[in-house]
Amino acid sequence: MTSIDCATLKAVTEIINAETDPAATEDLIESEICADWHESQGHQDWLDNAIPAEIADWLAGFYKESA
């Protein structure tokens, strides 16, 4: 299972709350970000190196797909 740094998770949550979903919690966002992705090592590498805005932008895409 992948993981995300606490400070990065907090920053991503703040961006998602401001721009996409004011009701999203850190737990919800963490569960989406750290789901069982097929390319888990590649996903982990990306999480370790991406800036919070990039992760938030990626996550916001899921909201757009479900709309």
PDB file of N, CA and C in Angstrom:
ATOM      1  N   MET A   1       0.842  -1.182   0.000  1.00  0.00           N
ATOM      2  CA  MET A   1       0.000   0.000   0.000  1.00  0.00           C
ATOM      3  C   MET A   1       0.882   1.238   0.000  1.00  0.00           C
ATOM      4  N   THR A   2       0.459   2.219  -0.757  1.00  0.00           N
ATOM      5  CA  THR A   2       1.219   3.456  -0.825  1.00  0.00           C
ATOM      6  C   THR A   2       0.925   4.348   0.373  1.00  0.00           C
ATOM      7  N   SER A   3       1.756   5.348   0.560  1.00  0.00           N
ATOM      8  CA  SER A   3       1.563   6.291   1.665  1.00  0.00           C
ATOM      9  C   SER A   3       1.886   7.696   1.182  1.00  0.00           C
ATOM     10  N   ILE A   4       1.445   8.660   1.964  1.00  0.00           N
ATOM     11  CA  ILE A   4       1.708  10.062   1.639  1.00  0.00           C
ATOM     12  C   ILE A   4       2.164  10.770   2.908  1.00  0.00           C
ATOM     13  N   ASP A   5       3.135  11.627   2.769  1.00  0.00           N
ATOM     14  CA  ASP A   5       3.660  12.421   3.869  1.00  0.00           C
ATOM     15  C   ASP A   5       2.535  13.255   4.495  1.00  0.00           C
ATOM     16  N   CYS A   6       2.526  13.354   5.811  1.00  0.00           N
ATOM     17  CA  CYS A   6       1.460  14.076   6.529  1.00  0.00           C
ATOM     18  C   CYS A   6       1.345  15.538   6.099  1.00  0.00           C
ATOM     19  N   ALA A   7       2.467  16.208   5.925  1.00  0.00           N
ATOM     20  CA  ALA A   7       2.428  17.619   5.519  1.00  0.00           C
ATOM     21  C   ALA A   7       1.881  17.755   4.102  1.00  0.00           C
ATOM     22  N   THR A   8       2.250  16.825   3.232  1.00  0.00           N
ATOM     23  CA  THR A   8       1.739  16.859   1.862  1.00  0.00           C
ATOM     24  C   THR A   8       0.249  16.587   1.853  1.00  0.00           C
ATOM     25  N   LEU A   9      -0.195  15.609   2.631  1.00  0.00           N
ATOM     26  CA  LEU A   9      -1.622  15.293   2.727  1.00  0.00           C
ATOM     27  C   LEU A   9      -2.406  16.508   3.213  1.00  0.00           C
ATOM     28  N   LYS A  10      -1.901  17.182   4.220  1.00  0.00           N
ATOM     29  CA  LYS A  10      -2.578  18.373   4.739  1.00  0.00           C
ATOM     30  C   LYS A  10      -2.692  19.442   3.657  1.00  0.00           C
ATOM     31  N   ALA A  11      -1.611  19.663   2.926  1.00  0.00           N
ATOM     32  CA  ALA A  11      -1.619  20.680   1.865  1.00  0.00           C
ATOM     33  C   ALA A  11      -2.583  20.299   0.743  1.00  0.00           C
ATOM     34  N   VAL A  12      -2.591  19.029   0.356  1.00  0.00           N
ATOM     35  CA  VAL A  12      -3.514  18.564  -0.686  1.00  0.00           C
ATOM     36  C   VAL A  12      -4.955  18.753  -0.218  1.00  0.00           C
ATOM     37  N   THR A  13      -5.234  18.408   1.023  1.00  0.00           N
ATOM     38  CA  THR A  13      -6.591  18.554   1.566  1.00  0.00           C
ATOM     39  C   THR A  13      -7.016  20.017   1.539  1.00  0.00           C
ATOM     40  N   GLU A  14      -6.134  20.912   1.904  1.00  0.00           N
ATOM     41  CA  GLU A  14      -6.471  22.338   1.889  1.00  0.00           C
ATOM     42  C   GLU A  14      -6.800  22.813   0.472  1.00  0.00           C
ATOM     43  N   ILE A  15      -6.048  22.342  -0.505  1.00  0.00           N
ATOM     44  CA  ILE A  15      -6.309  22.722  -1.896  1.00  0.00           C
ATOM     45  C   ILE A  15      -7.640  22.143  -2.366  1.00  0.00           C
ATOM     46  N   ILE A  16      -7.872  20.873  -2.101  1.00  0.00           N
ATOM     47  CA  ILE A  16      -9.135  20.235  -2.501  1.00  0.00           C
ATOM     48  C   ILE A  16     -10.303  20.932  -1.827  1.00  0.00           C
ATOM     49  N   ASN A  17     -10.182  21.248  -0.546  1.00  0.00           N
ATOM     50  CA  ASN A  17     -11.263  21.941   0.167  1.00  0.00           C
ATOM     51  C   ASN A  17     -11.548  23.307  -0.435  1.00  0.00           C
ATOM     52  N   ALA A  18     -10.523  24.022  -0.836  1.00  0.00           N
ATOM     53  CA  ALA A  18     -10.698  25.374  -1.389  1.00  0.00           C
ATOM     54  C   ALA A  18     -11.196  25.361  -2.829  1.00  0.00           C
ATOM     55  N   GLU A  19     -10.776  24.359  -3.611  1.00  0.00           N
ATOM     56  CA  GLU A  19     -11.046  24.410  -5.043  1.00  0.00           C
ATOM     57  C   GLU A  19     -12.042  23.380  -5.565  1.00  0.00           C
ATOM     58  N   THR A  20     -12.255  22.294  -4.828  1.00  0.00           N
ATOM     59  CA  THR A  20     -13.034  21.191  -5.393  1.00  0.00           C
ATOM     60  C   THR A  20     -14.155  20.707  -4.497  1.00  0.00           C
ATOM     61  N   ASP A  21     -13.845  20.387  -3.251  1.00  0.00           N
ATOM     62  CA  ASP A  21     -14.837  19.789  -2.349  1.00  0.00           C
ATOM     63  C   ASP A  21     -14.584  20.252  -0.920  1.00  0.00           C
ATOM     64  N   PRO A  22     -15.339  21.243  -0.465  1.00  0.00           N
ATOM     65  CA  PRO A  22     -15.125  21.763   0.885  1.00  0.00           C
ATOM     66  C   PRO A  22     -15.368  20.740   1.990  1.00  0.00           C
ATOM     67  N   ALA A  23     -16.071  19.657   1.684  1.00  0.00           N
ATOM     68  CA  ALA A  23     -16.395  18.655   2.696  1.00  0.00           C
ATOM     69  C   ALA A  23     -15.400  17.494   2.744  1.00  0.00           C
ATOM     70  N   ALA A  24     -14.445  17.456   1.835  1.00  0.00           N
ATOM     71  CA  ALA A  24     -13.485  16.345   1.801  1.00  0.00           C
ATOM     72  C   ALA A  24     -12.598  16.377   3.045  1.00  0.00           C
ATOM     73  N   THR A  25     -12.424  15.229   3.649  1.00  0.00           N
ATOM     74  CA  THR A  25     -11.585  15.102   4.841  1.00  0.00           C
ATOM     75  C   THR A  25     -10.220  14.534   4.465  1.00  0.00           C
ATOM     76  N   GLU A  26      -9.273  14.679   5.357  1.00  0.00           N
ATOM     77  CA  GLU A  26      -7.960  14.092   5.124  1.00  0.00           C
ATOM     78  C   GLU A  26      -8.070  12.574   4.969  1.00  0.00           C
ATOM     79  N   ASP A  27      -8.934  11.939   5.769  1.00  0.00           N
ATOM     80  CA  ASP A  27      -9.103  10.482   5.670  1.00  0.00           C
ATOM     81  C   ASP A  27      -9.611  10.075   4.294  1.00  0.00           C
ATOM     82  N   LEU A  28     -10.597  10.782   3.776  1.00  0.00           N
ATOM     83  CA  LEU A  28     -11.140  10.475   2.449  1.00  0.00           C
ATOM     84  C   LEU A  28     -10.074  10.673   1.373  1.00  0.00           C
ATOM     85  N   ILE A  29      -9.387  11.773   1.439  1.00  0.00           N
ATOM     86  CA  ILE A  29      -8.369  12.070   0.440  1.00  0.00           C
ATOM     87  C   ILE A  29      -7.230  11.057   0.513  1.00  0.00           C
ATOM     88  N   GLU A  30      -6.810  10.720   1.712  1.00  0.00           N
ATOM     89  CA  GLU A  30      -5.746   9.727   1.861  1.00  0.00           C
ATOM     90  C   GLU A  30      -6.169   8.370   1.307  1.00  0.00           C
ATOM     91  N   SER A  31      -7.406   7.974   1.534  1.00  0.00           N
ATOM     92  CA  SER A  31      -7.859   6.678   1.022  1.00  0.00           C
ATOM     93  C   SER A  31      -7.876   6.653  -0.500  1.00  0.00           C
ATOM     94  N   GLU A  32      -8.211   7.767  -1.133  1.00  0.00           N
ATOM     95  CA  GLU A  32      -8.192   7.837  -2.600  1.00  0.00           C
ATOM     96  C   GLU A  32      -6.764   7.845  -3.130  1.00  0.00           C
ATOM     97  N   ILE A  33      -5.920   8.647  -2.519  1.00  0.00           N
ATOM     98  CA  ILE A  33      -4.544   8.769  -2.975  1.00  0.00           C
ATOM     99  C   ILE A  33      -3.770   7.470  -2.770  1.00  0.00           C
ATOM    100  N   CYS A  34      -4.030   6.788  -1.678  1.00  0.00           N
ATOM    101  CA  CYS A  34      -3.248   5.608  -1.322  1.00  0.00           C
ATOM    102  C   CYS A  34      -3.970   4.297  -1.636  1.00  0.00           C
ATOM    103  N   ALA A  35      -4.933   4.348  -2.518  1.00  0.00           N
ATOM    104  CA  ALA A  35      -5.643   3.127  -2.912  1.00  0.00           C
ATOM    105  C   ALA A  35      -4.665   2.132  -3.530  1.00  0.00           C
ATOM    106  N   ASP A  36      -5.116   0.949  -3.777  1.00  0.00           N
ATOM    107  CA  ASP A  36      -4.288  -0.118  -4.343  1.00  0.00           C
ATOM    108  C   ASP A  36      -4.137   0.069  -5.846  1.00  0.00           C
ATOM    109  N   TRP A  37      -3.195   0.937  -6.240  1.00  0.00           N
ATOM    110  CA  TRP A  37      -2.960   1.228  -7.653  1.00  0.00           C
ATOM    111  C   TRP A  37      -2.144   0.124  -8.288  1.00  0.00           C
ATOM    112  N   HIS A  38      -2.407  -0.156  -9.563  1.00  0.00           N
ATOM    113  CA  HIS A  38      -1.701  -1.224 -10.279  1.00  0.00           C
ATOM    114  C   HIS A  38      -0.197  -0.966 -10.348  1.00  0.00           C
ATOM    115  N   GLU A  39       0.183   0.253 -10.571  1.00  0.00           N
ATOM    116  CA  GLU A  39       1.603   0.613 -10.647  1.00  0.00           C
ATOM    117  C   GLU A  39       2.018   1.201  -9.308  1.00  0.00           C
ATOM    118  N   SER A  40       1.927   0.421  -8.255  1.00  0.00           N
ATOM    119  CA  SER A  40       2.090   0.963  -6.911  1.00  0.00           C
ATOM    120  C   SER A  40       3.450   1.618  -6.673  1.00  0.00           C
ATOM    121  N   GLN A  41       4.547   1.044  -7.155  1.00  0.00           N
ATOM    122  CA  GLN A  41       5.849   1.677  -6.922  1.00  0.00           C
ATOM    123  C   GLN A  41       5.964   2.983  -7.702  1.00  0.00           C
ATOM    124  N   GLY A  42       5.479   2.998  -8.928  1.00  0.00           N
ATOM    125  CA  GLY A  42       5.487   4.235  -9.699  1.00  0.00           C
ATOM    126  C   GLY A  42       4.622   5.301  -9.055  1.00  0.00           C
ATOM    127  N   HIS A  43       3.479   4.889  -8.532  1.00  0.00           N
ATOM    128  CA  HIS A  43       2.578   5.821  -7.855  1.00  0.00           C
ATOM    129  C   HIS A  43       3.243   6.350  -6.588  1.00  0.00           C
ATOM    130  N   GLN A  44       3.905   5.468  -5.841  1.00  0.00           N
ATOM    131  CA  GLN A  44       4.591   5.900  -4.624  1.00  0.00           C
ATOM    132  C   GLN A  44       5.706   6.881  -4.946  1.00  0.00           C
ATOM    133  N   ASP A  45       6.469   6.585  -5.988  1.00  0.00           N
ATOM    134  CA  ASP A  45       7.548   7.495  -6.396  1.00  0.00           C
ATOM    135  C   ASP A  45       6.981   8.870  -6.737  1.00  0.00           C
ATOM    136  N   TRP A  46       5.859   8.875  -7.450  1.00  0.00           N
ATOM    137  CA  TRP A  46       5.222  10.138  -7.812  1.00  0.00           C
ATOM    138  C   TRP A  46       4.759  10.881  -6.558  1.00  0.00           C
ATOM    139  N   LEU A  47       4.107  10.178  -5.625  1.00  0.00           N
ATOM    140  CA  LEU A  47       3.653  10.819  -4.388  1.00  0.00           C
ATOM    141  C   LEU A  47       4.822  11.396  -3.595  1.00  0.00           C
ATOM    142  N   ASP A  48       5.945  10.715  -3.631  1.00  0.00           N
ATOM    143  CA  ASP A  48       7.116  11.180  -2.887  1.00  0.00           C
ATOM    144  C   ASP A  48       7.734  12.432  -3.502  1.00  0.00           C
ATOM    145  N   ASN A  49       7.473  12.666  -4.782  1.00  0.00           N
ATOM    146  CA  ASN A  49       8.146  13.765  -5.476  1.00  0.00           C
ATOM    147  C   ASN A  49       7.234  14.873  -5.990  1.00  0.00           C
ATOM    148  N   ALA A  50       5.953  14.619  -6.103  1.00  0.00           N
ATOM    149  CA  ALA A  50       5.024  15.615  -6.641  1.00  0.00           C
ATOM    150  C   ALA A  50       4.738  16.711  -5.616  1.00  0.00           C
ATOM    151  N   ILE A  51       4.486  17.903  -6.116  1.00  0.00           N
ATOM    152  CA  ILE A  51       4.074  18.989  -5.221  1.00  0.00           C
ATOM    153  C   ILE A  51       2.582  18.824  -4.912  1.00  0.00           C
ATOM    154  N   PRO A  52       2.129  19.339  -3.775  1.00  0.00           N
ATOM    155  CA  PRO A  52       0.723  19.171  -3.399  1.00  0.00           C
ATOM    156  C   PRO A  52      -0.266  19.625  -4.473  1.00  0.00           C
ATOM    157  N   ALA A  53       0.018  20.721  -5.165  1.00  0.00           N
ATOM    158  CA  ALA A  53      -0.907  21.206  -6.196  1.00  0.00           C
ATOM    159  C   ALA A  53      -1.059  20.190  -7.326  1.00  0.00           C
ATOM    160  N   GLU A  54       0.004  19.495  -7.672  1.00  0.00           N
ATOM    161  CA  GLU A  54      -0.059  18.474  -8.722  1.00  0.00           C
ATOM    162  C   GLU A  54      -0.919  17.296  -8.276  1.00  0.00           C
ATOM    163  N   ILE A  55      -0.745  16.873  -7.035  1.00  0.00           N
ATOM    164  CA  ILE A  55      -1.551  15.770  -6.505  1.00  0.00           C
ATOM    165  C   ILE A  55      -3.017  16.181  -6.426  1.00  0.00           C
ATOM    166  N   ALA A  56      -3.277  17.395  -5.963  1.00  0.00           N
ATOM    167  CA  ALA A  56      -4.655  17.884  -5.861  1.00  0.00           C
ATOM    168  C   ALA A  56      -5.307  17.973  -7.240  1.00  0.00           C
ATOM    169  N   ASP A  57      -4.559  18.411  -8.228  1.00  0.00           N
ATOM    170  CA  ASP A  57      -5.081  18.496  -9.586  1.00  0.00           C
ATOM    171  C   ASP A  57      -5.447  17.104 -10.102  1.00  0.00           C
ATOM    172  N   TRP A  58      -4.594  16.132  -9.870  1.00  0.00           N
ATOM    173  CA  TRP A  58      -4.855  14.743 -10.267  1.00  0.00           C
ATOM    174  C   TRP A  58      -6.118  14.231  -9.567  1.00  0.00           C
ATOM    175  N   LEU A  59      -6.210  14.474  -8.258  1.00  0.00           N
ATOM    176  CA  LEU A  59      -7.358  14.006  -7.494  1.00  0.00           C
ATOM    177  C   LEU A  59      -8.646  14.703  -7.933  1.00  0.00           C
ATOM    178  N   ALA A  60      -8.578  15.982  -8.261  1.00  0.00           N
ATOM    179  CA  ALA A  60      -9.757  16.725  -8.711  1.00  0.00           C
ATOM    180  C   ALA A  60     -10.328  16.122  -9.995  1.00  0.00           C
ATOM    181  N   GLY A  61      -9.485  15.484 -10.777  1.00  0.00           N
ATOM    182  CA  GLY A  61      -9.962  14.815 -11.990  1.00  0.00           C
ATOM    183  C   GLY A  61     -10.990  13.751 -11.707  1.00  0.00           C
ATOM    184  N   PHE A  62     -10.892  13.095 -10.560  1.00  0.00           N
ATOM    185  CA  PHE A  62     -11.888  12.090 -10.195  1.00  0.00           C
ATOM    186  C   PHE A  62     -13.252  12.722  -9.944  1.00  0.00           C
ATOM    187  N   TYR A  63     -13.253  13.921  -9.391  1.00  0.00           N
ATOM    188  CA  TYR A  63     -14.506  14.626  -9.156  1.00  0.00           C
ATOM    189  C   TYR A  63     -15.168  14.985 -10.490  1.00  0.00           C
ATOM    190  N   LYS A  64     -14.356  15.416 -11.444  1.00  0.00           N
ATOM    191  CA  LYS A  64     -14.878  15.799 -12.755  1.00  0.00           C
ATOM    192  C   LYS A  64     -15.429  14.588 -13.498  1.00  0.00           C
ATOM    193  N   GLU A  65     -14.760  13.429 -13.351  1.00  0.00           N
ATOM    194  CA  GLU A  65     -15.216  12.208 -14.026  1.00  0.00           C
ATOM    195  C   GLU A  65     -16.548  11.719 -13.460  1.00  0.00           C
ATOM    196  N   SER A  66     -16.776  11.944 -12.168  1.00  0.00           N
ATOM    197  CA  SER A  66     -18.015  11.431 -11.555  1.00  0.00           C
ATOM    198  C   SER A  66     -19.174  12.415 -11.676  1.00  0.00           C
ATOM    199  N   ALA A  67     -18.903  13.616 -12.182  1.00  0.00           N
ATOM    200  CA  ALA A  67     -19.955  14.636 -12.297  1.00  0.00           C
ATOM    201  C   ALA A  67     -20.836  14.378 -13.507  1.00  0.00           C
TER     202      ALA A  67
END
